[in-house]
């Protein structure tokens, strides 16, 4: 387990991240190490959509996948919940209200404005999103891992892997093909070591989905 002082020593001397970690330690009894990835996820979700480091052939975007790993009752959910509350106040549009059940659902959440992803209601057509920044939260990541280790749910893992690099992708939505340009998706999740061991493979870590976290 990472000691509190080790986590604090890893922080920069100034800026949002150390301020947020101090805030998190004041508001919850979660370990300091949990507040660091939460703070990084908040920075990613609120950074300008076009922000990136120049790198051939495409810039490196601010997408980040963070996984809090610890035993049950270790206050992982408390740390994530505090971050979600802060983001909801700062930029509610960037926080996903639910987790997608398929690649198509994920694409719809990114391609269209929040709360306007269907043709229902007074004949409105969905409004294409001009900013795809989203933070997706899994408070119980073990459930996601167990349902996507193989079979029907596996493609969702593959779509997350693809979107990490902010590569444009296409979805089929109500018989229409919709392109998502430079998807800005970040993931904040929590799991126990036993769930990671049970529902992942060496390939997931060495070059696949979990290797992005």
N, C-alpha and C. Protein backbone atom coordinates (compact mmCIF):
# COMPACT_ATOMS: atom_id res chain seq x y z
N UNK A 1 0.84 -1.19 0.00
CA UNK A 1 0.00 0.00 0.00
C UNK A 1 0.88 1.25 0.00
N UNK A 2 0.51 2.23 -0.79
CA UNK A 2 1.26 3.48 -0.85
C UNK A 2 1.02 4.27 0.44
N UNK A 3 2.10 4.68 1.08
CA UNK A 3 1.97 5.46 2.31
C UNK A 3 1.57 6.90 1.98
N UNK A 4 0.92 7.55 2.95
CA UNK A 4 0.44 8.92 2.73
C UNK A 4 1.57 9.86 2.31
N UNK A 5 2.70 9.80 2.99
CA UNK A 5 3.78 10.71 2.67
C UNK A 5 4.35 10.45 1.29
N UNK A 6 4.37 9.19 0.87
CA UNK A 6 4.83 8.88 -0.48
C UNK A 6 3.94 9.54 -1.53
N UNK A 7 2.64 9.51 -1.30
CA UNK A 7 1.71 10.14 -2.24
C UNK A 7 1.92 11.65 -2.27
N UNK A 8 2.07 12.25 -1.11
CA UNK A 8 2.25 13.70 -1.04
C UNK A 8 3.58 14.12 -1.66
N UNK A 9 4.61 13.33 -1.48
CA UNK A 9 5.92 13.67 -2.04
C UNK A 9 5.92 13.61 -3.57
N UNK A 10 4.99 12.86 -4.15
CA UNK A 10 4.93 12.72 -5.60
C UNK A 10 4.24 13.90 -6.28
N UNK A 11 3.63 14.78 -5.50
CA UNK A 11 2.87 15.89 -6.06
C UNK A 11 3.78 17.05 -6.46
N UNK A 12 3.37 17.83 -7.47
CA UNK A 12 4.11 19.07 -7.76
C UNK A 12 3.94 20.05 -6.60
N UNK A 13 4.78 21.06 -6.57
CA UNK A 13 4.76 21.99 -5.44
C UNK A 13 3.58 22.94 -5.47
N UNK A 14 2.99 23.17 -6.64
CA UNK A 14 1.88 24.12 -6.74
C UNK A 14 0.97 23.70 -7.88
N UNK A 15 -0.20 24.33 -7.94
CA UNK A 15 -1.15 24.05 -9.00
C UNK A 15 -2.40 23.37 -8.50
N UNK A 16 -3.26 22.97 -9.44
CA UNK A 16 -4.54 22.39 -9.08
C UNK A 16 -4.40 21.07 -8.34
N UNK A 17 -3.50 20.20 -8.81
CA UNK A 17 -3.44 18.84 -8.26
C UNK A 17 -3.12 18.81 -6.77
N UNK A 18 -2.07 19.46 -6.29
CA UNK A 18 -1.84 19.43 -4.83
C UNK A 18 -2.96 20.10 -4.04
N UNK A 19 -3.55 21.14 -4.62
CA UNK A 19 -4.68 21.79 -3.94
C UNK A 19 -5.86 20.85 -3.83
N UNK A 20 -6.12 20.09 -4.91
CA UNK A 20 -7.25 19.17 -4.87
C UNK A 20 -7.00 18.03 -3.90
N UNK A 21 -5.78 17.51 -3.86
CA UNK A 21 -5.48 16.41 -2.93
C UNK A 21 -5.66 16.86 -1.49
N UNK A 22 -5.22 18.06 -1.16
CA UNK A 22 -5.43 18.58 0.19
C UNK A 22 -6.91 18.73 0.49
N UNK A 23 -7.66 19.19 -0.50
CA UNK A 23 -9.11 19.33 -0.34
C UNK A 23 -9.75 17.96 -0.10
N UNK A 24 -9.33 16.96 -0.88
CA UNK A 24 -9.88 15.62 -0.72
C UNK A 24 -9.56 15.02 0.64
N UNK A 25 -8.35 15.26 1.13
CA UNK A 25 -7.97 14.74 2.45
C UNK A 25 -8.74 15.43 3.57
N UNK A 26 -9.12 16.67 3.34
CA UNK A 26 -9.90 17.41 4.33
C UNK A 26 -11.36 16.95 4.34
N UNK A 27 -11.88 16.59 3.17
CA UNK A 27 -13.30 16.25 3.05
C UNK A 27 -13.60 14.78 3.28
N UNK A 28 -12.62 13.90 3.09
CA UNK A 28 -12.85 12.46 3.25
C UNK A 28 -11.70 11.83 4.04
N UNK A 29 -11.88 10.59 4.44
CA UNK A 29 -10.79 9.84 5.07
C UNK A 29 -10.16 8.85 4.10
N UNK A 30 -10.38 9.06 2.79
CA UNK A 30 -9.75 8.22 1.77
C UNK A 30 -8.26 8.51 1.72
N UNK A 31 -7.44 7.51 1.40
CA UNK A 31 -6.00 7.72 1.30
C UNK A 31 -5.66 8.81 0.27
N UNK A 32 -4.58 9.53 0.54
CA UNK A 32 -4.16 10.60 -0.36
C UNK A 32 -3.89 10.07 -1.77
N UNK A 33 -3.38 8.84 -1.87
CA UNK A 33 -3.06 8.28 -3.19
C UNK A 33 -4.29 8.17 -4.08
N UNK A 34 -5.47 8.01 -3.50
CA UNK A 34 -6.68 7.92 -4.31
C UNK A 34 -7.07 9.28 -4.89
N UNK A 35 -6.77 10.35 -4.20
CA UNK A 35 -7.17 11.67 -4.69
C UNK A 35 -6.31 12.14 -5.86
N UNK A 36 -5.11 11.57 -6.01
CA UNK A 36 -4.25 11.99 -7.12
C UNK A 36 -4.85 11.61 -8.48
N UNK A 37 -5.20 10.33 -8.72
CA UNK A 37 -5.82 10.02 -10.02
C UNK A 37 -7.17 10.70 -10.22
N UNK A 38 -7.92 10.90 -9.15
CA UNK A 38 -9.19 11.62 -9.29
C UNK A 38 -8.93 13.04 -9.77
N UNK A 39 -7.95 13.71 -9.17
CA UNK A 39 -7.61 15.06 -9.61
C UNK A 39 -7.14 15.11 -11.05
N UNK A 40 -6.35 14.11 -11.46
CA UNK A 40 -5.89 14.05 -12.85
C UNK A 40 -7.07 13.86 -13.81
N UNK A 41 -8.03 13.03 -13.41
CA UNK A 41 -9.21 12.81 -14.25
C UNK A 41 -10.02 14.10 -14.40
N UNK A 42 -10.11 14.88 -13.32
CA UNK A 42 -10.83 16.16 -13.40
C UNK A 42 -10.11 17.12 -14.35
N UNK A 43 -8.79 17.15 -14.29
CA UNK A 43 -8.04 18.01 -15.21
C UNK A 43 -8.29 17.59 -16.66
N UNK A 44 -8.29 16.31 -16.91
CA UNK A 44 -8.51 15.82 -18.26
C UNK A 44 -9.89 16.19 -18.77
N UNK A 45 -10.90 16.02 -17.91
CA UNK A 45 -12.27 16.26 -18.33
C UNK A 45 -12.56 17.74 -18.59
N UNK A 46 -11.77 18.63 -18.00
CA UNK A 46 -12.04 20.07 -18.14
C UNK A 46 -11.02 20.78 -19.01
N UNK A 47 -9.99 20.08 -19.47
CA UNK A 47 -9.00 20.70 -20.35
C UNK A 47 -9.65 21.05 -21.69
N UNK A 48 -9.16 22.09 -22.37
CA UNK A 48 -9.72 22.44 -23.68
C UNK A 48 -9.70 21.25 -24.63
N UNK A 49 -10.75 21.13 -25.42
CA UNK A 49 -10.89 19.97 -26.29
C UNK A 49 -9.75 19.78 -27.26
N UNK A 50 -9.15 20.87 -27.72
CA UNK A 50 -8.08 20.78 -28.70
C UNK A 50 -6.70 20.69 -28.10
N UNK A 51 -6.60 20.62 -26.77
CA UNK A 51 -5.30 20.59 -26.11
C UNK A 51 -4.57 19.30 -26.45
N UNK A 52 -3.30 19.42 -26.78
CA UNK A 52 -2.50 18.24 -27.08
C UNK A 52 -1.04 18.59 -27.24
N UNK A 53 -0.18 17.60 -26.99
CA UNK A 53 1.25 17.78 -27.19
C UNK A 53 1.61 17.36 -28.61
N UNK A 54 2.30 18.22 -29.37
CA UNK A 54 2.64 17.87 -30.75
C UNK A 54 3.52 16.63 -30.81
N UNK A 55 3.06 15.65 -31.58
CA UNK A 55 3.79 14.38 -31.71
C UNK A 55 3.34 13.71 -32.99
N UNK A 56 4.29 13.38 -33.86
CA UNK A 56 3.93 12.81 -35.15
C UNK A 56 3.32 11.42 -34.98
N UNK A 57 2.29 11.10 -35.77
CA UNK A 57 1.64 11.96 -36.75
C UNK A 57 0.52 12.81 -36.15
N UNK A 58 0.08 12.50 -34.93
CA UNK A 58 -1.01 13.23 -34.31
C UNK A 58 -0.59 13.67 -32.91
N UNK A 59 -1.18 14.76 -32.40
CA UNK A 59 -0.85 15.20 -31.04
C UNK A 59 -1.34 14.23 -29.97
N UNK A 60 -0.66 14.20 -28.86
CA UNK A 60 -1.08 13.39 -27.72
C UNK A 60 -2.13 14.17 -26.95
N UNK A 61 -3.33 13.63 -26.86
CA UNK A 61 -4.43 14.31 -26.19
C UNK A 61 -4.41 14.06 -24.69
N UNK A 62 -5.33 14.70 -23.99
CA UNK A 62 -5.34 14.65 -22.53
C UNK A 62 -6.14 13.48 -21.97
N UNK A 63 -6.56 12.55 -22.83
CA UNK A 63 -7.32 11.40 -22.32
C UNK A 63 -6.51 10.65 -21.27
N UNK A 64 -7.18 10.22 -20.21
CA UNK A 64 -6.49 9.47 -19.16
C UNK A 64 -7.45 8.43 -18.58
N UNK A 65 -6.93 7.24 -18.37
CA UNK A 65 -7.70 6.17 -17.73
C UNK A 65 -7.06 5.90 -16.37
N UNK A 66 -7.82 6.06 -15.30
CA UNK A 66 -7.30 5.92 -13.94
C UNK A 66 -8.05 4.81 -13.21
N UNK A 67 -7.32 3.97 -12.52
CA UNK A 67 -7.91 2.86 -11.79
C UNK A 67 -7.40 2.86 -10.35
N UNK A 68 -8.32 3.02 -9.40
CA UNK A 68 -7.99 2.95 -7.98
C UNK A 68 -8.09 1.50 -7.53
N UNK A 69 -7.01 0.96 -7.02
CA UNK A 69 -6.97 -0.45 -6.64
C UNK A 69 -6.71 -0.55 -5.13
N UNK A 70 -7.61 -1.23 -4.44
CA UNK A 70 -7.45 -1.41 -3.00
C UNK A 70 -8.51 -2.35 -2.47
N UNK A 71 -8.38 -2.77 -1.23
CA UNK A 71 -9.35 -3.71 -0.66
C UNK A 71 -10.72 -3.06 -0.46
N UNK A 72 -11.74 -3.87 -0.29
CA UNK A 72 -13.08 -3.35 -0.01
C UNK A 72 -13.06 -2.52 1.27
N UNK A 73 -13.84 -1.46 1.29
CA UNK A 73 -13.91 -0.60 2.46
C UNK A 73 -12.77 0.37 2.59
N UNK A 74 -11.97 0.53 1.52
CA UNK A 74 -10.79 1.39 1.57
C UNK A 74 -11.08 2.81 1.11
N UNK A 75 -12.35 3.16 0.94
CA UNK A 75 -12.81 4.52 0.63
C UNK A 75 -12.51 4.94 -0.81
N UNK A 76 -12.39 3.97 -1.69
CA UNK A 76 -12.21 4.31 -3.10
C UNK A 76 -13.43 5.05 -3.63
N UNK A 77 -14.62 4.54 -3.29
CA UNK A 77 -15.86 5.16 -3.76
C UNK A 77 -16.02 6.56 -3.23
N UNK A 78 -15.60 6.81 -2.00
CA UNK A 78 -15.69 8.15 -1.42
C UNK A 78 -14.82 9.13 -2.21
N UNK A 79 -13.61 8.71 -2.57
CA UNK A 79 -12.71 9.58 -3.33
C UNK A 79 -13.29 9.89 -4.71
N UNK A 80 -13.84 8.88 -5.36
CA UNK A 80 -14.43 9.09 -6.69
C UNK A 80 -15.68 9.96 -6.60
N UNK A 81 -16.51 9.70 -5.59
CA UNK A 81 -17.74 10.48 -5.43
C UNK A 81 -17.45 11.95 -5.21
N UNK A 82 -16.41 12.26 -4.45
CA UNK A 82 -16.05 13.66 -4.23
C UNK A 82 -15.63 14.32 -5.54
N UNK A 83 -14.83 13.61 -6.34
CA UNK A 83 -14.42 14.16 -7.63
C UNK A 83 -15.59 14.39 -8.55
N UNK A 84 -16.54 13.45 -8.57
CA UNK A 84 -17.73 13.60 -9.41
C UNK A 84 -18.54 14.83 -9.00
N UNK A 85 -18.64 15.07 -7.70
CA UNK A 85 -19.38 16.24 -7.21
C UNK A 85 -18.72 17.53 -7.64
N UNK A 86 -17.39 17.56 -7.60
CA UNK A 86 -16.66 18.76 -8.03
C UNK A 86 -16.85 19.00 -9.52
N UNK A 87 -16.73 17.95 -10.33
CA UNK A 87 -16.90 18.10 -11.77
C UNK A 87 -18.31 18.51 -12.13
N UNK A 88 -19.30 17.98 -11.40
CA UNK A 88 -20.68 18.33 -11.68
C UNK A 88 -20.91 19.83 -11.49
N UNK A 89 -20.25 20.41 -10.52
CA UNK A 89 -20.36 21.86 -10.29
C UNK A 89 -19.58 22.65 -11.33
N UNK A 90 -18.43 22.13 -11.74
CA UNK A 90 -17.57 22.87 -12.66
C UNK A 90 -18.04 22.76 -14.11
N UNK A 91 -18.44 21.56 -14.53
CA UNK A 91 -18.84 21.33 -15.92
C UNK A 91 -19.68 20.07 -15.98
N UNK A 92 -20.96 20.20 -15.67
CA UNK A 92 -21.84 19.04 -15.59
C UNK A 92 -21.92 18.29 -16.90
N UNK A 93 -21.77 18.98 -18.02
CA UNK A 93 -21.88 18.34 -19.32
C UNK A 93 -20.78 17.30 -19.52
N UNK A 94 -19.63 17.48 -18.88
CA UNK A 94 -18.51 16.58 -19.09
C UNK A 94 -18.64 15.27 -18.32
N UNK A 95 -19.56 15.20 -17.38
CA UNK A 95 -19.71 14.01 -16.55
C UNK A 95 -20.82 13.12 -17.11
N UNK A 96 -20.47 11.88 -17.46
CA UNK A 96 -21.48 10.94 -17.95
C UNK A 96 -22.40 10.53 -16.81
N UNK A 97 -23.71 10.52 -17.08
CA UNK A 97 -24.69 10.19 -16.05
C UNK A 97 -24.84 8.69 -15.85
N UNK A 98 -24.45 7.90 -16.84
CA UNK A 98 -24.59 6.44 -16.74
C UNK A 98 -23.47 5.79 -17.54
N UNK A 99 -23.29 4.50 -17.30
CA UNK A 99 -22.26 3.78 -18.05
C UNK A 99 -22.91 3.13 -19.28
N UNK A 100 -22.23 3.14 -20.41
CA UNK A 100 -22.81 2.55 -21.62
C UNK A 100 -22.78 1.04 -21.55
N UNK A 101 -23.74 0.41 -22.22
CA UNK A 101 -23.81 -1.04 -22.24
C UNK A 101 -23.30 -1.66 -23.51
N UNK A 102 -22.90 -0.81 -24.47
CA UNK A 102 -22.43 -1.31 -25.76
C UNK A 102 -21.60 -0.23 -26.43
N UNK A 103 -20.80 -0.59 -27.43
CA UNK A 103 -20.06 0.44 -28.18
C UNK A 103 -20.98 1.46 -28.82
N UNK A 104 -22.16 1.02 -29.27
CA UNK A 104 -23.09 1.95 -29.89
C UNK A 104 -23.59 2.98 -28.89
N UNK A 105 -23.89 2.52 -27.67
CA UNK A 105 -24.33 3.45 -26.64
C UNK A 105 -23.22 4.43 -26.28
N UNK A 106 -21.99 3.95 -26.19
CA UNK A 106 -20.86 4.82 -25.90
C UNK A 106 -20.70 5.88 -26.99
N UNK A 107 -20.76 5.44 -28.23
CA UNK A 107 -20.63 6.39 -29.33
C UNK A 107 -21.72 7.44 -29.32
N UNK A 108 -22.94 7.03 -28.99
CA UNK A 108 -24.05 7.98 -28.93
C UNK A 108 -23.82 9.02 -27.84
N UNK A 109 -23.31 8.59 -26.69
CA UNK A 109 -23.06 9.52 -25.59
C UNK A 109 -22.01 10.57 -25.97
N UNK A 110 -21.06 10.16 -26.80
CA UNK A 110 -20.01 11.09 -27.20
C UNK A 110 -20.41 11.95 -28.40
N UNK A 111 -21.20 11.38 -29.29
CA UNK A 111 -21.50 12.06 -30.55
C UNK A 111 -22.56 13.14 -30.42
N UNK A 112 -23.43 13.02 -29.39
CA UNK A 112 -24.53 13.95 -29.27
C UNK A 112 -24.50 14.66 -27.93
N UNK A 113 -25.09 15.84 -27.90
CA UNK A 113 -25.09 16.63 -26.68
C UNK A 113 -25.76 15.87 -25.55
N UNK A 114 -25.26 16.07 -24.35
CA UNK A 114 -25.80 15.38 -23.18
C UNK A 114 -27.28 15.70 -23.01
N UNK A 115 -28.07 14.65 -22.82
CA UNK A 115 -29.51 14.83 -22.62
C UNK A 115 -30.27 15.03 -23.91
N UNK A 116 -29.60 14.90 -25.08
CA UNK A 116 -30.28 15.13 -26.35
C UNK A 116 -29.86 14.06 -27.36
N UNK A 117 -29.89 12.79 -26.92
CA UNK A 117 -29.39 11.73 -27.77
C UNK A 117 -30.49 10.83 -28.33
N UNK A 118 -31.71 11.37 -28.46
CA UNK A 118 -32.77 10.57 -29.07
C UNK A 118 -33.69 11.48 -29.85
N UNK A 119 -34.52 10.87 -30.68
CA UNK A 119 -35.47 11.64 -31.47
C UNK A 119 -36.80 11.84 -30.75
N UNK A 120 -36.87 11.41 -29.50
CA UNK A 120 -38.13 11.53 -28.77
C UNK A 120 -38.33 12.96 -28.28
N UNK A 121 -39.58 13.33 -28.05
CA UNK A 121 -39.88 14.62 -27.46
C UNK A 121 -40.02 15.72 -28.48
N UNK A 122 -41.26 16.01 -28.87
CA UNK A 122 -41.58 17.15 -29.72
C UNK A 122 -40.84 17.13 -31.05
N UNK A 123 -40.52 15.92 -31.52
CA UNK A 123 -39.93 15.80 -32.84
C UNK A 123 -38.51 16.34 -32.96
N UNK A 124 -37.83 16.56 -31.85
CA UNK A 124 -36.47 17.08 -31.91
C UNK A 124 -35.52 16.06 -32.51
N UNK A 125 -34.58 16.56 -33.27
CA UNK A 125 -33.50 15.71 -33.76
C UNK A 125 -32.31 15.88 -32.81
N UNK A 126 -31.52 14.81 -32.63
CA UNK A 126 -30.37 14.92 -31.74
C UNK A 126 -29.38 15.95 -32.24
N UNK A 127 -28.84 16.73 -31.31
CA UNK A 127 -27.88 17.78 -31.64
C UNK A 127 -26.47 17.23 -31.57
N UNK A 128 -25.75 17.28 -32.68
CA UNK A 128 -24.39 16.76 -32.69
C UNK A 128 -23.52 17.54 -31.72
N UNK A 129 -22.69 16.83 -30.98
CA UNK A 129 -21.83 17.46 -29.99
C UNK A 129 -20.65 18.13 -30.69
N UNK A 130 -20.33 19.34 -30.27
CA UNK A 130 -19.16 20.04 -30.79
C UNK A 130 -17.95 19.81 -29.90
N UNK A 131 -18.17 19.26 -28.71
CA UNK A 131 -17.08 18.98 -27.77
C UNK A 131 -17.35 17.61 -27.16
N UNK A 132 -16.45 16.66 -27.38
CA UNK A 132 -16.68 15.29 -26.94
C UNK A 132 -16.03 14.98 -25.59
N UNK A 133 -15.61 15.97 -24.85
CA UNK A 133 -15.00 15.71 -23.54
C UNK A 133 -16.00 15.03 -22.60
N UNK A 134 -15.63 13.86 -22.09
CA UNK A 134 -16.49 13.14 -21.16
C UNK A 134 -15.62 12.39 -20.15
N UNK A 135 -16.12 12.32 -18.91
CA UNK A 135 -15.51 11.49 -17.89
C UNK A 135 -16.50 10.40 -17.53
N UNK A 136 -16.07 9.16 -17.69
CA UNK A 136 -16.89 7.99 -17.42
C UNK A 136 -16.42 7.36 -16.12
N UNK A 137 -17.34 7.12 -15.19
CA UNK A 137 -16.98 6.62 -13.87
C UNK A 137 -17.53 5.21 -13.66
N UNK A 138 -16.65 4.33 -13.20
CA UNK A 138 -17.04 2.98 -12.78
C UNK A 138 -16.65 2.83 -11.32
N UNK A 139 -17.62 2.96 -10.42
CA UNK A 139 -17.32 2.79 -9.00
C UNK A 139 -17.09 1.33 -8.64
N UNK A 140 -17.66 0.41 -9.42
CA UNK A 140 -17.46 -1.02 -9.22
C UNK A 140 -16.95 -1.60 -10.54
N UNK A 141 -15.67 -1.42 -10.79
CA UNK A 141 -15.10 -1.82 -12.07
C UNK A 141 -15.06 -3.34 -12.22
N UNK A 142 -15.08 -4.05 -11.10
CA UNK A 142 -15.09 -5.51 -11.18
C UNK A 142 -16.29 -6.03 -11.94
N UNK A 143 -17.45 -5.38 -11.78
CA UNK A 143 -18.65 -5.81 -12.50
C UNK A 143 -18.46 -5.64 -14.00
N UNK A 144 -17.85 -4.52 -14.40
CA UNK A 144 -17.59 -4.31 -15.83
C UNK A 144 -16.62 -5.36 -16.36
N UNK A 145 -15.56 -5.62 -15.60
CA UNK A 145 -14.58 -6.61 -16.06
C UNK A 145 -15.20 -7.99 -16.21
N UNK A 146 -16.05 -8.38 -15.26
CA UNK A 146 -16.65 -9.71 -15.31
C UNK A 146 -17.60 -9.86 -16.49
N UNK A 147 -18.26 -8.77 -16.89
CA UNK A 147 -19.24 -8.85 -17.98
C UNK A 147 -18.62 -8.66 -19.36
N UNK A 148 -17.35 -8.26 -19.41
CA UNK A 148 -16.72 -8.00 -20.71
C UNK A 148 -15.47 -8.83 -20.94
N UNK A 149 -15.20 -9.78 -20.06
CA UNK A 149 -14.00 -10.58 -20.23
C UNK A 149 -14.07 -11.39 -21.52
N UNK A 150 -15.29 -11.74 -21.97
CA UNK A 150 -15.49 -12.42 -23.24
C UNK A 150 -16.96 -12.28 -23.64
N UNK A 151 -17.27 -12.70 -24.84
CA UNK A 151 -18.66 -12.69 -25.30
C UNK A 151 -19.14 -11.34 -25.77
N UNK A 152 -20.45 -11.08 -25.57
CA UNK A 152 -21.10 -9.90 -26.13
C UNK A 152 -20.48 -8.61 -25.63
N UNK A 153 -20.04 -8.58 -24.37
CA UNK A 153 -19.52 -7.34 -23.81
C UNK A 153 -18.09 -7.02 -24.20
N UNK A 154 -17.37 -7.98 -24.77
CA UNK A 154 -15.96 -7.76 -25.09
C UNK A 154 -15.71 -6.57 -26.02
N UNK A 155 -16.54 -6.32 -27.05
CA UNK A 155 -16.29 -5.18 -27.94
C UNK A 155 -16.22 -3.83 -27.24
N UNK A 156 -16.89 -3.69 -26.09
CA UNK A 156 -16.84 -2.42 -25.38
C UNK A 156 -15.43 -2.17 -24.85
N UNK A 157 -14.77 -3.21 -24.35
CA UNK A 157 -13.36 -3.06 -23.95
C UNK A 157 -12.52 -2.60 -25.14
N UNK A 158 -12.77 -3.22 -26.28
CA UNK A 158 -11.99 -2.89 -27.47
C UNK A 158 -12.23 -1.45 -27.91
N UNK A 159 -13.46 -0.97 -27.76
CA UNK A 159 -13.75 0.41 -28.13
C UNK A 159 -13.07 1.39 -27.19
N UNK A 160 -13.04 1.08 -25.90
CA UNK A 160 -12.30 1.92 -24.95
C UNK A 160 -10.82 1.96 -25.31
N UNK A 161 -10.27 0.82 -25.68
CA UNK A 161 -8.87 0.76 -26.06
C UNK A 161 -8.59 1.65 -27.26
N UNK A 162 -9.49 1.62 -28.22
CA UNK A 162 -9.35 2.43 -29.43
C UNK A 162 -9.45 3.92 -29.12
N UNK A 163 -10.39 4.29 -28.26
CA UNK A 163 -10.64 5.71 -28.01
C UNK A 163 -9.59 6.36 -27.12
N UNK A 164 -8.80 5.55 -26.43
CA UNK A 164 -7.78 6.12 -25.55
C UNK A 164 -6.85 7.07 -26.31
N UNK A 165 -6.51 6.71 -27.54
CA UNK A 165 -5.59 7.51 -28.34
C UNK A 165 -6.28 8.65 -29.08
N UNK A 166 -7.57 8.87 -28.79
CA UNK A 166 -8.34 9.97 -29.39
C UNK A 166 -8.44 9.84 -30.91
N UNK A 167 -8.39 8.62 -31.40
CA UNK A 167 -8.56 8.41 -32.84
C UNK A 167 -10.04 8.52 -33.21
N UNK A 168 -10.31 9.17 -34.33
CA UNK A 168 -11.69 9.30 -34.79
C UNK A 168 -12.28 7.93 -35.04
N UNK A 169 -13.57 7.79 -34.75
CA UNK A 169 -14.24 6.51 -34.92
C UNK A 169 -15.65 6.75 -35.45
N UNK A 170 -16.28 5.71 -35.94
CA UNK A 170 -17.61 5.82 -36.54
C UNK A 170 -18.56 4.87 -35.82
N UNK A 171 -19.78 5.33 -35.57
CA UNK A 171 -20.82 4.49 -34.99
C UNK A 171 -22.03 4.52 -35.90
N UNK A 172 -22.87 3.51 -35.75
CA UNK A 172 -24.15 3.48 -36.46
C UNK A 172 -25.23 3.82 -35.46
N UNK A 173 -25.95 4.93 -35.71
CA UNK A 173 -26.97 5.41 -34.78
C UNK A 173 -28.27 5.57 -35.54
N UNK A 174 -29.26 4.77 -35.19
CA UNK A 174 -30.56 4.83 -35.85
C UNK A 174 -30.42 4.84 -37.37
N UNK A 175 -29.67 3.84 -37.87
CA UNK A 175 -29.44 3.62 -39.30
C UNK A 175 -28.63 4.73 -39.95
N UNK A 176 -27.98 5.55 -39.17
CA UNK A 176 -27.09 6.57 -39.70
C UNK A 176 -25.68 6.31 -39.21
N UNK A 177 -24.69 6.62 -40.04
CA UNK A 177 -23.30 6.52 -39.64
C UNK A 177 -22.85 7.88 -39.12
N UNK A 178 -22.35 7.90 -37.90
CA UNK A 178 -21.94 9.14 -37.27
C UNK A 178 -20.46 9.06 -36.91
N UNK A 179 -19.68 10.01 -37.37
CA UNK A 179 -18.26 10.03 -37.07
C UNK A 179 -18.00 10.87 -35.82
N UNK A 180 -17.19 10.32 -34.92
CA UNK A 180 -16.77 11.04 -33.72
C UNK A 180 -15.32 11.44 -33.93
N UNK A 181 -15.10 12.72 -34.11
CA UNK A 181 -13.75 13.22 -34.38
C UNK A 181 -13.01 13.47 -33.08
N UNK A 182 -11.82 12.95 -32.98
CA UNK A 182 -10.95 13.17 -31.81
C UNK A 182 -11.70 12.97 -30.50
N UNK A 183 -12.22 11.79 -30.23
CA UNK A 183 -12.98 11.57 -28.98
C UNK A 183 -12.13 11.86 -27.76
N UNK A 184 -12.70 12.61 -26.83
CA UNK A 184 -12.01 12.98 -25.60
C UNK A 184 -12.68 12.25 -24.44
N UNK A 185 -12.31 11.01 -24.26
CA UNK A 185 -12.90 10.17 -23.23
C UNK A 185 -11.87 9.84 -22.17
N UNK A 186 -12.23 10.06 -20.90
CA UNK A 186 -11.40 9.62 -19.78
C UNK A 186 -12.24 8.71 -18.88
N UNK A 187 -11.58 7.80 -18.21
CA UNK A 187 -12.25 6.82 -17.34
C UNK A 187 -11.65 6.90 -15.95
N UNK A 188 -12.52 6.89 -14.95
CA UNK A 188 -12.11 6.84 -13.55
C UNK A 188 -12.83 5.66 -12.91
N UNK A 189 -12.07 4.71 -12.40
CA UNK A 189 -12.67 3.46 -11.93
C UNK A 189 -12.01 2.99 -10.65
N UNK A 190 -12.68 2.04 -9.98
CA UNK A 190 -12.16 1.45 -8.75
C UNK A 190 -12.41 -0.05 -8.76
N UNK A 191 -11.44 -0.80 -8.24
CA UNK A 191 -11.57 -2.26 -8.21
C UNK A 191 -10.71 -2.82 -7.09
N UNK A 192 -11.02 -4.04 -6.71
CA UNK A 192 -10.20 -4.76 -5.73
C UNK A 192 -9.16 -5.61 -6.46
N UNK A 193 -8.04 -5.92 -5.83
CA UNK A 193 -7.04 -6.77 -6.49
C UNK A 193 -7.60 -8.12 -6.93
N UNK A 194 -8.49 -8.71 -6.14
CA UNK A 194 -9.03 -10.02 -6.50
C UNK A 194 -9.84 -9.97 -7.78
N UNK A 195 -10.61 -8.89 -7.99
CA UNK A 195 -11.37 -8.77 -9.23
C UNK A 195 -10.44 -8.61 -10.43
N UNK A 196 -9.38 -7.84 -10.28
CA UNK A 196 -8.44 -7.68 -11.39
C UNK A 196 -7.81 -9.02 -11.76
N UNK A 197 -7.46 -9.80 -10.78
CA UNK A 197 -6.84 -11.09 -11.05
C UNK A 197 -7.81 -12.06 -11.72
N UNK A 198 -9.07 -12.02 -11.29
CA UNK A 198 -10.04 -12.98 -11.79
C UNK A 198 -10.53 -12.66 -13.19
N UNK A 199 -10.68 -11.37 -13.49
CA UNK A 199 -11.36 -10.99 -14.74
C UNK A 199 -10.45 -10.29 -15.74
N UNK A 200 -9.16 -10.54 -15.68
CA UNK A 200 -8.25 -9.98 -16.68
C UNK A 200 -7.26 -11.05 -17.10
N UNK A 201 -6.65 -10.82 -18.25
CA UNK A 201 -5.66 -11.74 -18.79
C UNK A 201 -4.33 -11.01 -18.94
N UNK A 202 -3.22 -11.73 -19.07
CA UNK A 202 -1.94 -11.06 -19.31
C UNK A 202 -1.97 -10.14 -20.52
N UNK A 203 -2.72 -10.54 -21.56
CA UNK A 203 -2.81 -9.71 -22.75
C UNK A 203 -3.48 -8.38 -22.49
N UNK A 204 -4.43 -8.34 -21.56
CA UNK A 204 -5.09 -7.08 -21.22
C UNK A 204 -4.10 -6.07 -20.67
N UNK A 205 -3.09 -6.57 -19.95
CA UNK A 205 -2.12 -5.67 -19.32
C UNK A 205 -0.95 -5.34 -20.23
N UNK A 206 -0.51 -6.31 -21.02
CA UNK A 206 0.72 -6.13 -21.79
C UNK A 206 0.55 -5.23 -23.00
N UNK A 207 -0.64 -5.19 -23.57
CA UNK A 207 -0.78 -4.34 -24.74
C UNK A 207 -2.21 -3.96 -25.05
N UNK A 208 -3.12 -4.38 -24.21
CA UNK A 208 -4.52 -4.13 -24.49
C UNK A 208 -5.17 -3.12 -23.59
N UNK A 209 -6.39 -3.40 -23.25
CA UNK A 209 -7.25 -2.45 -22.53
C UNK A 209 -6.65 -1.96 -21.21
N UNK A 210 -6.31 -2.87 -20.31
CA UNK A 210 -5.83 -2.47 -18.99
C UNK A 210 -4.45 -1.86 -19.04
N UNK A 211 -3.71 -2.09 -20.13
CA UNK A 211 -2.42 -1.46 -20.28
C UNK A 211 -2.50 0.05 -20.44
N UNK A 212 -3.70 0.57 -20.73
CA UNK A 212 -3.88 2.02 -20.87
C UNK A 212 -4.08 2.72 -19.51
N UNK A 213 -4.35 1.96 -18.45
CA UNK A 213 -4.61 2.57 -17.17
C UNK A 213 -3.30 2.87 -16.44
